[in-house]
N, C-alpha and C. Protein backbone atom coordinates (compact mmCIF):
# COMPACT_ATOMS: atom_id res chain seq x y z
N UNK A 1 66.14 18.82 45.95
CA UNK A 1 67.35 19.42 47.35
C UNK A 1 66.67 20.27 47.49
N UNK A 2 66.46 20.07 49.46
CA UNK A 2 65.33 20.87 49.75
C UNK A 2 66.50 22.22 50.36
N UNK A 3 66.15 23.55 50.49
CA UNK A 3 67.15 24.59 50.66
C UNK A 3 66.87 24.73 52.15
N UNK A 4 67.81 24.73 53.37
CA UNK A 4 67.30 24.92 54.57
C UNK A 4 67.44 26.80 54.54
N UNK A 5 66.82 26.97 55.91
CA UNK A 5 66.78 28.56 56.51
C UNK A 5 67.30 28.72 57.14
N UNK A 6 67.86 29.58 57.71
CA UNK A 6 68.42 30.54 59.10
C UNK A 6 68.10 31.98 59.16
N UNK A 7 67.27 32.39 60.09
CA UNK A 7 67.13 33.74 59.93
C UNK A 7 66.34 34.16 59.04
N UNK A 8 64.93 33.38 58.59
CA UNK A 8 64.57 33.35 56.90
C UNK A 8 65.21 33.48 55.80
N UNK A 9 66.56 33.13 55.55
CA UNK A 9 67.04 33.06 54.50
C UNK A 9 67.91 32.03 54.03
N UNK A 10 68.00 31.79 53.42
CA UNK A 10 68.35 30.45 52.68
C UNK A 10 69.38 30.42 52.71
N UNK A 11 70.37 29.69 53.25
CA UNK A 11 71.50 29.08 53.80
C UNK A 11 72.19 28.63 51.89
N UNK A 12 73.32 29.26 51.41
CA UNK A 12 73.68 28.71 50.51
C UNK A 12 75.18 28.86 50.82
N UNK A 13 76.32 28.15 49.94
CA UNK A 13 77.38 28.27 49.76
C UNK A 13 77.60 28.18 48.22
N UNK A 14 77.39 29.54 47.85
CA UNK A 14 78.44 29.30 46.21
C UNK A 14 80.37 29.48 46.27
N UNK A 15 80.83 28.83 47.27
CA UNK A 15 82.15 29.01 46.84
C UNK A 15 83.51 29.96 47.03
N UNK A 16 84.36 29.76 46.13
CA UNK A 16 85.23 30.64 46.95
C UNK A 16 85.05 31.74 46.66
N UNK A 17 84.74 32.23 45.19
CA UNK A 17 83.97 33.45 44.40
C UNK A 17 83.57 34.49 46.33
N UNK A 18 82.60 33.83 46.61
CA UNK A 18 81.82 34.14 47.20
C UNK A 18 82.36 35.39 48.43
N UNK A 19 82.93 33.95 49.19
CA UNK A 19 83.55 33.91 50.38
C UNK A 19 84.75 35.38 49.97
N UNK A 20 85.19 35.32 48.82
CA UNK A 20 86.40 36.32 48.65
C UNK A 20 85.97 38.28 48.51
N UNK A 21 84.52 37.68 48.44
CA UNK A 21 83.88 39.47 48.66
C UNK A 21 83.45 39.75 50.19
N UNK A 22 83.70 39.06 51.19
CA UNK A 22 83.39 39.58 52.38
C UNK A 22 84.06 40.71 53.22
N UNK A 23 83.40 41.42 53.47
CA UNK A 23 83.74 42.65 53.58
C UNK A 23 83.59 42.67 55.70
N UNK A 24 84.55 43.36 56.12
CA UNK A 24 84.50 44.08 57.18
C UNK A 24 83.01 43.96 58.12
N UNK A 25 82.61 43.69 58.66
CA UNK A 25 80.89 44.16 59.08
C UNK A 25 79.42 43.37 58.42
N UNK A 26 80.30 42.40 57.58
CA UNK A 26 79.44 41.75 57.24
C UNK A 26 79.05 40.04 58.35
N UNK A 27 77.83 40.03 58.34
CA UNK A 27 76.87 39.70 58.82
C UNK A 27 77.08 37.79 58.32
N UNK A 28 77.94 36.59 58.85
CA UNK A 28 77.73 35.65 58.29
C UNK A 28 77.51 34.54 59.27
N UNK A 29 76.83 33.11 58.68
CA UNK A 29 76.30 31.77 59.26
C UNK A 29 77.74 31.08 59.16
N UNK A 30 77.88 30.26 60.48
CA UNK A 30 79.59 29.66 60.06
C UNK A 30 78.66 28.62 61.14
N UNK A 31 79.69 27.26 60.15
CA UNK A 31 79.35 26.27 60.45
C UNK A 31 80.15 25.58 61.41
N UNK A 32 80.46 26.55 62.94
CA UNK A 32 80.50 25.64 63.93
C UNK A 32 80.08 24.04 64.39
N UNK A 33 82.20 23.79 64.62
CA UNK A 33 81.84 22.64 65.02
C UNK A 33 82.03 22.77 66.50
N UNK A 34 81.15 21.54 67.01
CA UNK A 34 81.24 21.37 68.58
C UNK A 34 82.76 20.60 69.05
N UNK A 35 82.67 21.23 70.04
CA UNK A 35 84.19 20.61 70.82
C UNK A 35 84.53 19.35 70.74
N UNK A 36 83.25 18.21 70.77
CA UNK A 36 83.21 16.39 70.26
C UNK A 36 83.69 16.35 68.22
N UNK A 37 83.75 17.51 67.84
CA UNK A 37 84.22 17.34 66.40
C UNK A 37 83.56 16.53 65.98
N UNK A 38 82.32 15.76 65.98
CA UNK A 38 81.37 14.99 65.19
C UNK A 38 80.03 15.97 65.20
N UNK A 39 79.54 17.22 65.83
CA UNK A 39 78.56 17.30 65.30
C UNK A 39 78.63 19.42 65.10
N UNK A 40 78.40 19.74 64.04
CA UNK A 40 77.85 21.43 63.62
C UNK A 40 76.86 22.02 64.25
N UNK A 41 76.68 22.94 64.10
CA UNK A 41 75.43 23.57 64.04
C UNK A 41 75.53 25.71 63.54
N UNK A 42 75.18 25.66 62.64
CA UNK A 42 75.03 27.35 61.92
C UNK A 42 75.09 28.38 63.10
N UNK A 43 75.67 29.12 63.30
CA UNK A 43 75.35 30.28 64.14
C UNK A 43 76.27 31.75 63.17
N UNK A 44 75.26 32.79 64.03
CA UNK A 44 75.47 34.16 63.16
C UNK A 44 77.18 34.09 63.51
N UNK A 45 77.48 35.13 63.08
CA UNK A 45 79.52 35.67 63.50
C UNK A 45 79.15 36.78 63.00
N UNK A 46 80.06 38.25 63.09
CA UNK A 46 80.43 38.86 62.68
C UNK A 46 81.77 38.83 62.06
N UNK A 47 81.71 39.92 60.75
CA UNK A 47 83.46 39.30 60.14
C UNK A 47 84.23 40.91 61.04
N UNK A 48 84.90 40.57 61.31
CA UNK A 48 85.73 42.05 62.03
C UNK A 48 87.44 42.00 61.36
N UNK A 49 87.45 41.22 60.43
CA UNK A 49 88.81 41.37 60.09
C UNK A 49 88.80 42.06 58.67
N UNK A 50 89.59 43.13 58.83
CA UNK A 50 89.97 43.51 57.20
C UNK A 50 89.41 43.31 56.07
N UNK A 51 88.67 44.04 55.12
CA UNK A 51 88.07 43.68 53.74
C UNK A 51 89.41 43.37 53.23
N UNK A 52 90.12 43.90 52.76
CA UNK A 52 91.64 44.05 52.06
C UNK A 52 92.15 42.06 52.34
N UNK A 53 92.20 42.04 53.87
CA UNK A 53 92.89 40.63 54.00
C UNK A 53 92.18 39.47 53.87
N UNK A 54 90.56 40.05 53.98
CA UNK A 54 89.67 39.04 53.91
C UNK A 54 89.32 38.58 52.00
N UNK A 55 90.22 39.55 51.38
CA UNK A 55 90.06 38.81 49.77
C UNK A 55 91.23 37.97 49.42
N UNK A 56 91.95 37.82 50.36
CA UNK A 56 93.05 37.74 49.93
C UNK A 56 94.04 36.32 51.06
N UNK A 57 93.22 36.37 51.98
CA UNK A 57 92.84 34.62 52.75
C UNK A 57 92.30 34.14 52.65
N UNK A 58 92.99 32.55 53.48
CA UNK A 58 91.94 31.99 53.30
C UNK A 58 90.72 32.08 54.30
N UNK A 59 91.76 32.50 55.43
CA UNK A 59 90.33 32.58 57.02
C UNK A 59 90.24 34.09 56.84
N UNK A 60 89.03 34.34 57.99
CA UNK A 60 88.62 35.30 57.94
C UNK A 60 88.42 35.48 59.72
N UNK A 61 88.64 36.47 60.82
CA UNK A 61 88.50 37.12 61.90
C UNK A 61 87.14 37.37 62.71
N UNK A 62 86.66 36.24 63.36
CA UNK A 62 84.65 37.06 62.93
C UNK A 62 84.66 36.33 64.77
N UNK A 63 83.78 37.71 65.37
CA UNK A 63 82.90 37.34 66.61
C UNK A 63 81.72 36.70 66.76
N UNK A 64 81.23 35.82 67.48
CA UNK A 64 80.14 34.90 67.65
C UNK A 64 79.02 36.43 67.95
N UNK A 65 77.83 35.58 67.24
CA UNK A 65 76.61 36.36 67.69
C UNK A 65 75.28 36.13 68.52
N UNK A 66 74.77 36.33 69.48
CA UNK A 66 74.37 36.02 70.31
C UNK A 66 73.27 36.47 70.86
N UNK A 67 71.81 35.59 70.81
CA UNK A 67 70.75 36.60 71.40
C UNK A 67 70.84 36.51 73.11
N UNK A 68 71.72 35.89 73.64
CA UNK A 68 71.78 36.26 75.05
C UNK A 68 72.72 36.90 75.42
N UNK A 69 71.94 37.77 76.17
CA UNK A 69 73.26 39.47 76.45
C UNK A 69 74.69 39.13 77.44
N UNK A 70 75.41 38.94 77.40
CA UNK A 70 77.01 38.69 77.34
C UNK A 70 76.84 39.42 79.12
N UNK A 71 77.58 39.02 79.78
CA UNK A 71 78.07 39.99 81.36
C UNK A 71 79.00 41.18 81.29
N UNK A 72 80.01 40.87 79.98
CA UNK A 72 80.28 41.51 79.59
C UNK A 72 81.15 41.37 78.15
N UNK A 73 81.50 42.27 77.76
CA UNK A 73 82.23 42.57 76.27
C UNK A 73 81.27 41.98 75.32
N UNK A 74 80.11 42.84 75.81
CA UNK A 74 79.08 42.47 74.61
C UNK A 74 78.29 43.85 73.87
N UNK A 75 77.88 43.67 72.49
CA UNK A 75 77.07 45.30 71.88
C UNK A 75 76.02 44.84 71.13
N UNK A 76 74.87 45.55 71.96
CA UNK A 76 74.06 45.01 71.31
C UNK A 76 73.69 45.45 70.04
N UNK A 77 72.57 44.27 69.55
CA UNK A 77 72.99 44.62 67.53
C UNK A 77 71.31 44.56 67.28
N UNK A 78 71.00 45.38 66.25
CA UNK A 78 69.46 45.39 66.02
C UNK A 78 69.39 45.07 64.97
N UNK A 79 67.97 45.09 64.42
CA UNK A 79 67.79 45.64 63.44
C UNK A 79 68.24 47.03 62.30
N UNK A 80 67.55 47.93 63.09
CA UNK A 80 68.50 49.15 63.06
C UNK A 80 69.80 49.61 62.43
N UNK A 81 70.84 48.61 63.34
CA UNK A 81 72.14 48.96 63.17
C UNK A 81 72.73 48.00 61.83
N UNK A 82 71.81 47.62 60.94
CA UNK A 82 71.72 46.71 60.12
C UNK A 82 72.08 48.02 58.46
N UNK A 83 73.14 47.66 57.71
CA UNK A 83 72.86 48.97 56.65
C UNK A 83 72.10 47.54 55.64
N UNK A 84 72.39 46.79 56.18
CA UNK A 84 71.05 45.83 54.93
C UNK A 84 70.93 44.14 55.57
N UNK A 85 69.86 43.15 55.30
CA UNK A 85 69.86 42.48 56.25
C UNK A 85 69.05 42.41 57.42
N UNK A 86 68.62 41.05 57.59
CA UNK A 86 67.92 41.24 59.15
C UNK A 86 67.74 40.46 60.02
N UNK A 87 68.17 40.25 60.97
CA UNK A 87 67.65 39.82 62.25
C UNK A 87 66.84 39.58 63.21
N UNK A 88 66.51 37.96 63.29
CA UNK A 88 65.18 37.58 64.07
C UNK A 88 65.02 37.79 65.47
N UNK A 89 66.05 38.47 66.02
CA UNK A 89 66.11 38.77 67.47
C UNK A 89 67.10 39.89 67.73
N UNK A 90 66.47 40.99 68.74
CA UNK A 90 67.78 41.87 68.80
C UNK A 90 68.95 40.67 69.96
N UNK A 91 70.35 40.48 69.05
CA UNK A 91 71.39 40.30 69.32
C UNK A 91 72.84 41.09 69.92
N UNK A 92 73.89 40.34 70.56
CA UNK A 92 74.81 40.90 71.20
C UNK A 92 76.11 40.50 70.22
N UNK A 93 77.02 40.96 69.76
CA UNK A 93 77.72 40.65 69.29
C UNK A 93 79.17 40.45 70.69
N UNK A 94 79.66 39.10 70.82
CA UNK A 94 80.51 38.50 71.99
C UNK A 94 82.15 39.47 71.56
N UNK A 95 82.58 40.15 72.15
CA UNK A 95 83.68 40.71 71.25
C UNK A 95 84.78 39.89 72.48
N UNK A 96 84.48 39.47 73.11
CA UNK A 96 85.31 37.94 73.37
C UNK A 96 85.60 36.73 73.32
N UNK A 97 84.58 36.86 72.34
CA UNK A 97 84.71 35.23 71.55
C UNK A 97 84.78 35.62 69.98
N UNK A 98 86.14 35.20 69.70
CA UNK A 98 86.93 35.49 68.74
C UNK A 98 87.94 34.06 67.59
N UNK A 99 87.09 34.33 66.77
CA UNK A 99 87.59 33.04 65.79
C UNK A 99 88.42 32.92 64.41
N UNK A 100 89.25 32.71 64.13
CA UNK A 100 89.69 32.39 62.85
C UNK A 100 89.12 31.35 62.20
N UNK A 101 88.26 31.87 60.98
CA UNK A 101 87.80 30.52 60.45
C UNK A 101 88.12 30.85 58.24
N UNK A 102 87.61 29.23 58.55
CA UNK A 102 88.47 29.57 56.52
C UNK A 102 87.20 29.71 56.33
N UNK A 103 87.04 30.22 55.39
CA UNK A 103 85.75 30.61 54.43
C UNK A 103 85.17 29.50 54.04
N UNK A 104 85.61 28.18 53.81
CA UNK A 104 84.80 27.06 53.28
C UNK A 104 84.16 26.89 54.54
N UNK A 105 83.77 27.16 56.08
CA UNK A 105 82.85 27.05 56.47
C UNK A 105 81.91 28.03 56.66
N UNK A 106 81.91 29.13 56.00
CA UNK A 106 80.53 30.27 55.71
C UNK A 106 79.94 29.63 55.26
N UNK A 107 78.70 29.50 55.03
CA UNK A 107 77.69 28.96 54.86
C UNK A 107 76.61 29.85 53.77
N UNK A 108 76.83 31.76 54.67
CA UNK A 108 76.13 32.92 53.57
C UNK A 108 75.95 34.10 54.84
N UNK A 109 76.21 34.70 53.63
CA UNK A 109 76.04 36.02 53.75
C UNK A 109 74.70 36.84 54.44
N UNK A 110 74.21 37.63 55.62
CA UNK A 110 73.04 37.66 56.15
C UNK A 110 72.87 38.88 56.26
N UNK A 111 74.08 39.80 56.34
CA UNK A 111 73.66 41.33 56.76
C UNK A 111 75.04 41.72 56.51
N UNK A 112 74.67 43.38 56.56
CA UNK A 112 76.27 43.89 57.05
C UNK A 112 75.62 45.22 58.10
N UNK A 113 76.54 45.35 59.10
CA UNK A 113 76.36 46.08 60.25
C UNK A 113 76.86 47.82 59.55
N UNK A 114 75.83 48.14 60.29
CA UNK A 114 76.41 50.03 59.75
C UNK A 114 77.75 50.54 60.15
N UNK A 115 78.13 51.41 59.19
CA UNK A 115 79.87 52.02 60.02
C UNK A 115 79.51 52.51 61.19
N UNK A 116 78.70 53.42 61.72
CA UNK A 116 78.27 54.08 63.57
C UNK A 116 78.82 52.73 63.90
N UNK A 117 77.67 51.39 64.00
CA UNK A 117 78.16 50.12 64.64
C UNK A 117 79.15 49.62 65.37
N UNK A 118 80.00 49.19 63.50
CA UNK A 118 81.10 48.95 63.58
C UNK A 118 81.98 49.94 64.37
N UNK A 119 81.98 51.01 64.83
CA UNK A 119 83.17 51.95 65.15
C UNK A 119 82.78 51.77 66.93
N UNK A 120 81.77 51.31 67.09
CA UNK A 120 81.62 51.30 68.61
C UNK A 120 81.97 49.70 68.94
N UNK A 121 82.40 48.66 68.26
CA UNK A 121 82.28 46.76 68.03
C UNK A 121 83.90 47.51 68.18
N UNK A 122 84.24 48.00 67.64
CA UNK A 122 85.75 48.51 67.20
C UNK A 122 86.12 49.25 68.84
N UNK A 123 85.87 49.98 69.34
CA UNK A 123 85.94 50.34 70.78
C UNK A 123 86.07 49.51 71.52
N UNK A 124 85.05 48.24 71.33
CA UNK A 124 84.99 47.80 72.53
C UNK A 124 86.03 46.70 72.29
N UNK A 125 86.66 46.80 71.17
CA UNK A 125 87.86 45.54 70.95
C UNK A 125 89.20 46.15 71.45
N UNK A 126 89.08 47.57 71.06
CA UNK A 126 90.04 48.19 71.95
C UNK A 126 89.80 48.00 73.01
N UNK A 127 89.23 48.34 74.06
CA UNK A 127 88.82 48.36 75.43
C UNK A 127 89.56 47.07 75.82
N UNK A 128 89.00 45.50 75.16
CA UNK A 128 88.77 44.63 75.75
C UNK A 128 90.66 43.92 75.66
N UNK A 129 91.34 44.71 74.56
CA UNK A 129 92.26 44.16 74.38
C UNK A 129 93.56 45.70 74.93
N UNK A 130 92.92 46.92 75.58
CA UNK A 130 93.78 47.78 76.16
C UNK A 130 94.62 48.35 75.30
N UNK A 131 94.40 48.69 73.98
CA UNK A 131 94.85 49.16 72.69
C UNK A 131 95.00 50.50 72.99
N UNK A 132 94.71 51.40 73.75
CA UNK A 132 94.41 52.44 74.07
C UNK A 132 95.76 53.42 74.80
N UNK A 133 95.69 52.30 76.26
CA UNK A 133 97.29 52.38 76.89
C UNK A 133 98.41 52.52 76.00
N UNK A 134 99.10 53.69 76.35
CA UNK A 134 100.44 53.76 75.85
C UNK A 134 101.53 53.45 76.95
N UNK A 135 102.58 52.17 75.75
CA UNK A 135 103.07 51.92 76.51
C UNK A 135 104.75 52.39 76.07
N UNK A 136 105.86 52.90 76.63
CA UNK A 136 107.02 52.34 75.97
C UNK A 136 107.37 51.18 75.86
N UNK A 137 107.57 50.37 76.02
CA UNK A 137 108.69 49.25 76.08
C UNK A 137 110.20 48.68 76.51
N UNK A 138 110.17 49.70 77.66
CA UNK A 138 111.32 49.96 77.73
C UNK A 138 111.42 49.26 79.74
């Protein structure tokens, strides 16, 4: 059996046990399906749902990672921003490209983002959803 590679890392799916250990800030390879539902492509994504939820849920919340700089709502990501793992290119977390994915379509964990970079990403998420604005609801 030939081992498939992406970003210099082997692509593997060790099943449910590995996926139960997903931490917030993990960079994963997701088998995203195209709109036609006939083909798919492995793409990097950042796990943003919290680690406690990730242990018990069948799904995780991710944001796409791309090598193309978004016009807005993007946070740069370099190897200096990683606690472990390697990116082949300077990349960008697309903060407005949010997906709920089943753990079964995650093929590998290829790195983890440092806490200070996650704080920057969370600030951008807060800005996207205008979470800092106080409303009374009246």
